[in-house]
Amino acid sequence: MGIGFFQTSWARVRIIMVVVTLFSILATVLTFFHLKPFLAHSRFHLAYWLIVCPAL
């Protein structure tokens, strides 16, 4: 098992894509339900995590 880009069969790529898609949708939904801790910080803190951390 590895990254979906390096898989040779479509079946394995499809499984990885489904898992990643479900995880991202679930993470988004959970963030909306637990948004209060995120809103407790200033907008600069949120901007830092959205811009700087993915670049690392």
PDB file of N, CA and C in Angstrom:
ATOM      1  N   MET A   1       0.854  -1.178   0.000  1.00  0.00           N
ATOM      2  CA  MET A   1       0.000   0.000   0.000  1.00  0.00           C
ATOM      3  C   MET A   1       0.897   1.237   0.000  1.00  0.00           C
ATOM      4  N   GLY A   2       0.475   2.248  -0.695  1.00  0.00           N
ATOM      5  CA  GLY A   2       1.260   3.471  -0.757  1.00  0.00           C
ATOM      6  C   GLY A   2       0.392   4.612  -1.216  1.00  0.00           C
ATOM      7  N   ILE A   3       1.042   5.615  -1.737  1.00  0.00           N
ATOM      8  CA  ILE A   3       0.322   6.779  -2.236  1.00  0.00           C
ATOM      9  C   ILE A   3      -0.438   6.390  -3.498  1.00  0.00           C
ATOM     10  N   GLY A   4      -1.617   6.943  -3.669  1.00  0.00           N
ATOM     11  CA  GLY A   4      -2.470   6.581  -4.795  1.00  0.00           C
ATOM     12  C   GLY A   4      -1.851   6.858  -6.151  1.00  0.00           C
ATOM     13  N   PHE A   5      -0.965   7.834  -6.241  1.00  0.00           N
ATOM     14  CA  PHE A   5      -0.346   8.173  -7.527  1.00  0.00           C
ATOM     15  C   PHE A   5       0.538   7.045  -8.051  1.00  0.00           C
ATOM     16  N   PHE A   6       1.084   6.247  -7.152  1.00  0.00           N
ATOM     17  CA  PHE A   6       2.062   5.238  -7.540  1.00  0.00           C
ATOM     18  C   PHE A   6       1.463   3.838  -7.640  1.00  0.00           C
ATOM     19  N   GLN A   7       0.160   3.726  -7.560  1.00  0.00           N
ATOM     20  CA  GLN A   7      -0.482   2.428  -7.665  1.00  0.00           C
ATOM     21  C   GLN A   7      -0.648   2.044  -9.132  1.00  0.00           C
ATOM     22  N   THR A   8      -0.565   0.748  -9.392  1.00  0.00           N
ATOM     23  CA  THR A   8      -0.643   0.275 -10.777  1.00  0.00           C
ATOM     24  C   THR A   8      -2.047  -0.157 -11.170  1.00  0.00           C
ATOM     25  N   SER A   9      -2.896  -0.483 -10.217  1.00  0.00           N
ATOM     26  CA  SER A   9      -4.246  -0.930 -10.573  1.00  0.00           C
ATOM     27  C   SER A   9      -5.275   0.120 -10.147  1.00  0.00           C
ATOM     28  N   TRP A  10      -6.293   0.268 -10.963  1.00  0.00           N
ATOM     29  CA  TRP A  10      -7.336   1.250 -10.702  1.00  0.00           C
ATOM     30  C   TRP A  10      -8.110   0.925  -9.431  1.00  0.00           C
ATOM     31  N   ALA A  11      -8.263  -0.343  -9.108  1.00  0.00           N
ATOM     32  CA  ALA A  11      -9.013  -0.731  -7.905  1.00  0.00           C
ATOM     33  C   ALA A  11      -8.342  -0.188  -6.641  1.00  0.00           C
ATOM     34  N   ARG A  12      -7.030  -0.273  -6.571  1.00  0.00           N
ATOM     35  CA  ARG A  12      -6.325   0.232  -5.385  1.00  0.00           C
ATOM     36  C   ARG A  12      -6.370   1.752  -5.335  1.00  0.00           C
ATOM     37  N   VAL A  13      -6.264   2.401  -6.486  1.00  0.00           N
ATOM     38  CA  VAL A  13      -6.353   3.866  -6.530  1.00  0.00           C
ATOM     39  C   VAL A  13      -7.727   4.316  -6.062  1.00  0.00           C
ATOM     40  N   ARG A  14      -8.757   3.624  -6.504  1.00  0.00           N
ATOM     41  CA  ARG A  14     -10.132   3.976  -6.139  1.00  0.00           C
ATOM     42  C   ARG A  14     -10.350   3.839  -4.637  1.00  0.00           C
ATOM     43  N   ILE A  15      -9.818   2.794  -4.041  1.00  0.00           N
ATOM     44  CA  ILE A  15      -9.968   2.608  -2.587  1.00  0.00           C
ATOM     45  C   ILE A  15      -9.298   3.753  -1.833  1.00  0.00           C
ATOM     46  N   ILE A  16      -8.096   4.115  -2.235  1.00  0.00           N
ATOM     47  CA  ILE A  16      -7.382   5.205  -1.566  1.00  0.00           C
ATOM     48  C   ILE A  16      -8.136   6.516  -1.737  1.00  0.00           C
ATOM     49  N   MET A  17      -8.663   6.766  -2.928  1.00  0.00           N
ATOM     50  CA  MET A  17      -9.412   8.004  -3.166  1.00  0.00           C
ATOM     51  C   MET A  17     -10.675   8.057  -2.315  1.00  0.00           C
ATOM     52  N   VAL A  18     -11.357   6.943  -2.168  1.00  0.00           N
ATOM     53  CA  VAL A  18     -12.571   6.911  -1.338  1.00  0.00           C
ATOM     54  C   VAL A  18     -12.230   7.166   0.122  1.00  0.00           C
ATOM     55  N   VAL A  19     -11.164   6.565   0.611  1.00  0.00           N
ATOM     56  CA  VAL A  19     -10.768   6.759   2.012  1.00  0.00           C
ATOM     57  C   VAL A  19     -10.393   8.218   2.271  1.00  0.00           C
ATOM     58  N   VAL A  20      -9.610   8.815   1.378  1.00  0.00           N
ATOM     59  CA  VAL A  20      -9.203  10.211   1.552  1.00  0.00           C
ATOM     60  C   VAL A  20     -10.415  11.133   1.472  1.00  0.00           C
ATOM     61  N   THR A  21     -11.312  10.873   0.534  1.00  0.00           N
ATOM     62  CA  THR A  21     -12.511  11.705   0.390  1.00  0.00           C
ATOM     63  C   THR A  21     -13.398  11.617   1.627  1.00  0.00           C
ATOM     64  N   LEU A  22     -13.637  10.416   2.115  1.00  0.00           N
ATOM     65  CA  LEU A  22     -14.470  10.261   3.311  1.00  0.00           C
ATOM     66  C   LEU A  22     -13.838  10.935   4.525  1.00  0.00           C
ATOM     67  N   PHE A  23     -12.521  10.799   4.676  1.00  0.00           N
ATOM     68  CA  PHE A  23     -11.840  11.437   5.798  1.00  0.00           C
ATOM     69  C   PHE A  23     -11.958  12.955   5.714  1.00  0.00           C
ATOM     70  N   SER A  24     -11.793  13.535   4.521  1.00  0.00           N
ATOM     71  CA  SER A  24     -11.865  14.990   4.403  1.00  0.00           C
ATOM     72  C   SER A  24     -13.274  15.505   4.654  1.00  0.00           C
ATOM     73  N   ILE A  25     -14.277  14.785   4.191  1.00  0.00           N
ATOM     74  CA  ILE A  25     -15.664  15.197   4.444  1.00  0.00           C
ATOM     75  C   ILE A  25     -15.975  15.094   5.936  1.00  0.00           C
ATOM     76  N   LEU A  26     -15.555  14.005   6.564  1.00  0.00           N
ATOM     77  CA  LEU A  26     -15.796  13.837   8.003  1.00  0.00           C
ATOM     78  C   LEU A  26     -15.084  14.908   8.815  1.00  0.00           C
ATOM     79  N   ALA A  27     -13.851  15.230   8.447  1.00  0.00           N
ATOM     80  CA  ALA A  27     -13.110  16.271   9.163  1.00  0.00           C
ATOM     81  C   ALA A  27     -13.789  17.625   9.016  1.00  0.00           C
ATOM     82  N   THR A  28     -14.316  17.921   7.846  1.00  0.00           N
ATOM     83  CA  THR A  28     -15.019  19.188   7.634  1.00  0.00           C
ATOM     84  C   THR A  28     -16.292  19.258   8.470  1.00  0.00           C
ATOM     85  N   VAL A  29     -17.059  18.177   8.493  1.00  0.00           N
ATOM     86  CA  VAL A  29     -18.303  18.154   9.271  1.00  0.00           C
ATOM     87  C   VAL A  29     -18.004  18.285  10.763  1.00  0.00           C
ATOM     88  N   LEU A  30     -17.005  17.575  11.248  1.00  0.00           N
ATOM     89  CA  LEU A  30     -16.657  17.673  12.667  1.00  0.00           C
ATOM     90  C   LEU A  30     -16.160  19.065  13.032  1.00  0.00           C
ATOM     91  N   THR A  31     -15.453  19.700  12.126  1.00  0.00           N
ATOM     92  CA  THR A  31     -14.990  21.066  12.385  1.00  0.00           C
ATOM     93  C   THR A  31     -16.170  22.013  12.530  1.00  0.00           C
ATOM     94  N   PHE A  32     -17.192  21.844  11.692  1.00  0.00           N
ATOM     95  CA  PHE A  32     -18.365  22.706  11.800  1.00  0.00           C
ATOM     96  C   PHE A  32     -19.101  22.499  13.125  1.00  0.00           C
ATOM     97  N   PHE A  33     -19.138  21.266  13.630  1.00  0.00           N
ATOM     98  CA  PHE A  33     -19.820  21.003  14.893  1.00  0.00           C
ATOM     99  C   PHE A  33     -18.995  21.454  16.096  1.00  0.00           C
ATOM    100  N   HIS A  34     -17.692  21.481  15.955  1.00  0.00           N
ATOM    101  CA  HIS A  34     -16.810  21.868  17.056  1.00  0.00           C
ATOM    102  C   HIS A  34     -16.049  23.140  16.701  1.00  0.00           C
ATOM    103  N   LEU A  35     -16.759  24.121  16.183  1.00  0.00           N
ATOM    104  CA  LEU A  35     -16.133  25.343  15.693  1.00  0.00           C
ATOM    105  C   LEU A  35     -15.783  26.319  16.810  1.00  0.00           C
ATOM    106  N   LYS A  36     -16.376  26.158  17.975  1.00  0.00           N
ATOM    107  CA  LYS A  36     -16.175  27.112  19.061  1.00  0.00           C
ATOM    108  C   LYS A  36     -14.703  27.266  19.470  1.00  0.00           C
ATOM    109  N   PRO A  37     -13.927  26.183  19.624  1.00  0.00           N
ATOM    110  CA  PRO A  37     -12.501  26.372  19.963  1.00  0.00           C
ATOM    111  C   PRO A  37     -11.729  27.127  18.884  1.00  0.00           C
ATOM    112  N   PHE A  38     -12.098  26.947  17.634  1.00  0.00           N
ATOM    113  CA  PHE A  38     -11.408  27.654  16.561  1.00  0.00           C
ATOM    114  C   PHE A  38     -11.737  29.142  16.586  1.00  0.00           C
ATOM    115  N   LEU A  39     -12.959  29.476  16.937  1.00  0.00           N
ATOM    116  CA  LEU A  39     -13.369  30.874  16.958  1.00  0.00           C
ATOM    117  C   LEU A  39     -12.872  31.605  18.204  1.00  0.00           C
ATOM    118  N   ALA A  40     -12.391  30.861  19.204  1.00  0.00           N
ATOM    119  CA  ALA A  40     -11.887  31.492  20.424  1.00  0.00           C
ATOM    120  C   ALA A  40     -10.563  32.213  20.186  1.00  0.00           C
ATOM    121  N   HIS A  41      -9.855  31.846  19.118  1.00  0.00           N
ATOM    122  CA  HIS A  41      -8.576  32.474  18.803  1.00  0.00           C
ATOM    123  C   HIS A  41      -8.780  33.618  17.818  1.00  0.00           C
ATOM    124  N   SER A  42      -7.775  34.452  17.736  1.00  0.00           N
ATOM    125  CA  SER A  42      -7.875  35.584  16.820  1.00  0.00           C
ATOM    126  C   SER A  42      -7.793  35.103  15.375  1.00  0.00           C
ATOM    127  N   ARG A  43      -8.191  35.962  14.458  1.00  0.00           N
ATOM    128  CA  ARG A  43      -8.158  35.621  13.030  1.00  0.00           C
ATOM    129  C   ARG A  43      -6.733  35.421  12.539  1.00  0.00           C
ATOM    130  N   PHE A  44      -5.768  36.105  13.165  1.00  0.00           N
ATOM    131  CA  PHE A  44      -4.380  35.942  12.749  1.00  0.00           C
ATOM    132  C   PHE A  44      -3.889  34.523  13.046  1.00  0.00           C
ATOM    133  N   HIS A  45      -4.332  33.975  14.174  1.00  0.00           N
ATOM    134  CA  HIS A  45      -3.960  32.620  14.533  1.00  0.00           C
ATOM    135  C   HIS A  45      -4.525  31.630  13.515  1.00  0.00           C
ATOM    136  N   LEU A  46      -5.773  31.814  13.121  1.00  0.00           N
ATOM    137  CA  LEU A  46      -6.396  30.959  12.116  1.00  0.00           C
ATOM    138  C   LEU A  46      -5.681  31.097  10.775  1.00  0.00           C
ATOM    139  N   ALA A  47      -5.353  32.304  10.396  1.00  0.00           N
ATOM    140  CA  ALA A  47      -4.647  32.525   9.132  1.00  0.00           C
ATOM    141  C   ALA A  47      -3.279  31.842   9.158  1.00  0.00           C
ATOM    142  N   TYR A  48      -2.613  31.871  10.288  1.00  0.00           N
ATOM    143  CA  TYR A  48      -1.319  31.183  10.416  1.00  0.00           C
ATOM    144  C   TYR A  48      -1.465  29.696  10.135  1.00  0.00           C
ATOM    145  N   TRP A  49      -2.443  29.060  10.760  1.00  0.00           N
ATOM    146  CA  TRP A  49      -2.610  27.622  10.588  1.00  0.00           C
ATOM    147  C   TRP A  49      -3.065  27.257   9.179  1.00  0.00           C
ATOM    148  N   LEU A  50      -3.814  28.132   8.546  1.00  0.00           N
ATOM    149  CA  LEU A  50      -4.293  27.828   7.189  1.00  0.00           C
ATOM    150  C   LEU A  50      -3.253  28.096   6.111  1.00  0.00           C
ATOM    151  N   ILE A  51      -2.354  29.041   6.355  1.00  0.00           N
ATOM    152  CA  ILE A  51      -1.398  29.434   5.306  1.00  0.00           C
ATOM    153  C   ILE A  51      -0.002  28.869   5.562  1.00  0.00           C
ATOM    154  N   VAL A  52       0.513  29.029   6.760  1.00  0.00           N
ATOM    155  CA  VAL A  52       1.905  28.675   7.020  1.00  0.00           C
ATOM    156  C   VAL A  52       2.078  27.166   7.216  1.00  0.00           C
ATOM    157  N   CYS A  53       1.239  26.554   7.999  1.00  0.00           N
ATOM    158  CA  CYS A  53       1.436  25.140   8.326  1.00  0.00           C
ATOM    159  C   CYS A  53       1.327  24.200   7.130  1.00  0.00           C
ATOM    160  N   PRO A  54       0.381  24.358   6.206  1.00  0.00           N
ATOM    161  CA  PRO A  54       0.375  23.467   5.036  1.00  0.00           C
ATOM    162  C   PRO A  54       1.629  23.626   4.173  1.00  0.00           C
ATOM    163  N   ALA A  55       2.258  24.777   4.227  1.00  0.00           N
ATOM    164  CA  ALA A  55       3.464  24.998   3.425  1.00  0.00           C
ATOM    165  C   ALA A  55       4.657  24.236   3.988  1.00  0.00           C
ATOM    166  N   LEU A  56       4.579  23.828   5.246  1.00  0.00           N
ATOM    167  CA  LEU A  56       5.684  23.091   5.845  1.00  0.00           C
ATOM    168  C   LEU A  56       5.677  21.710   5.290  1.00  0.00           C
TER     169      LEU A  56
END
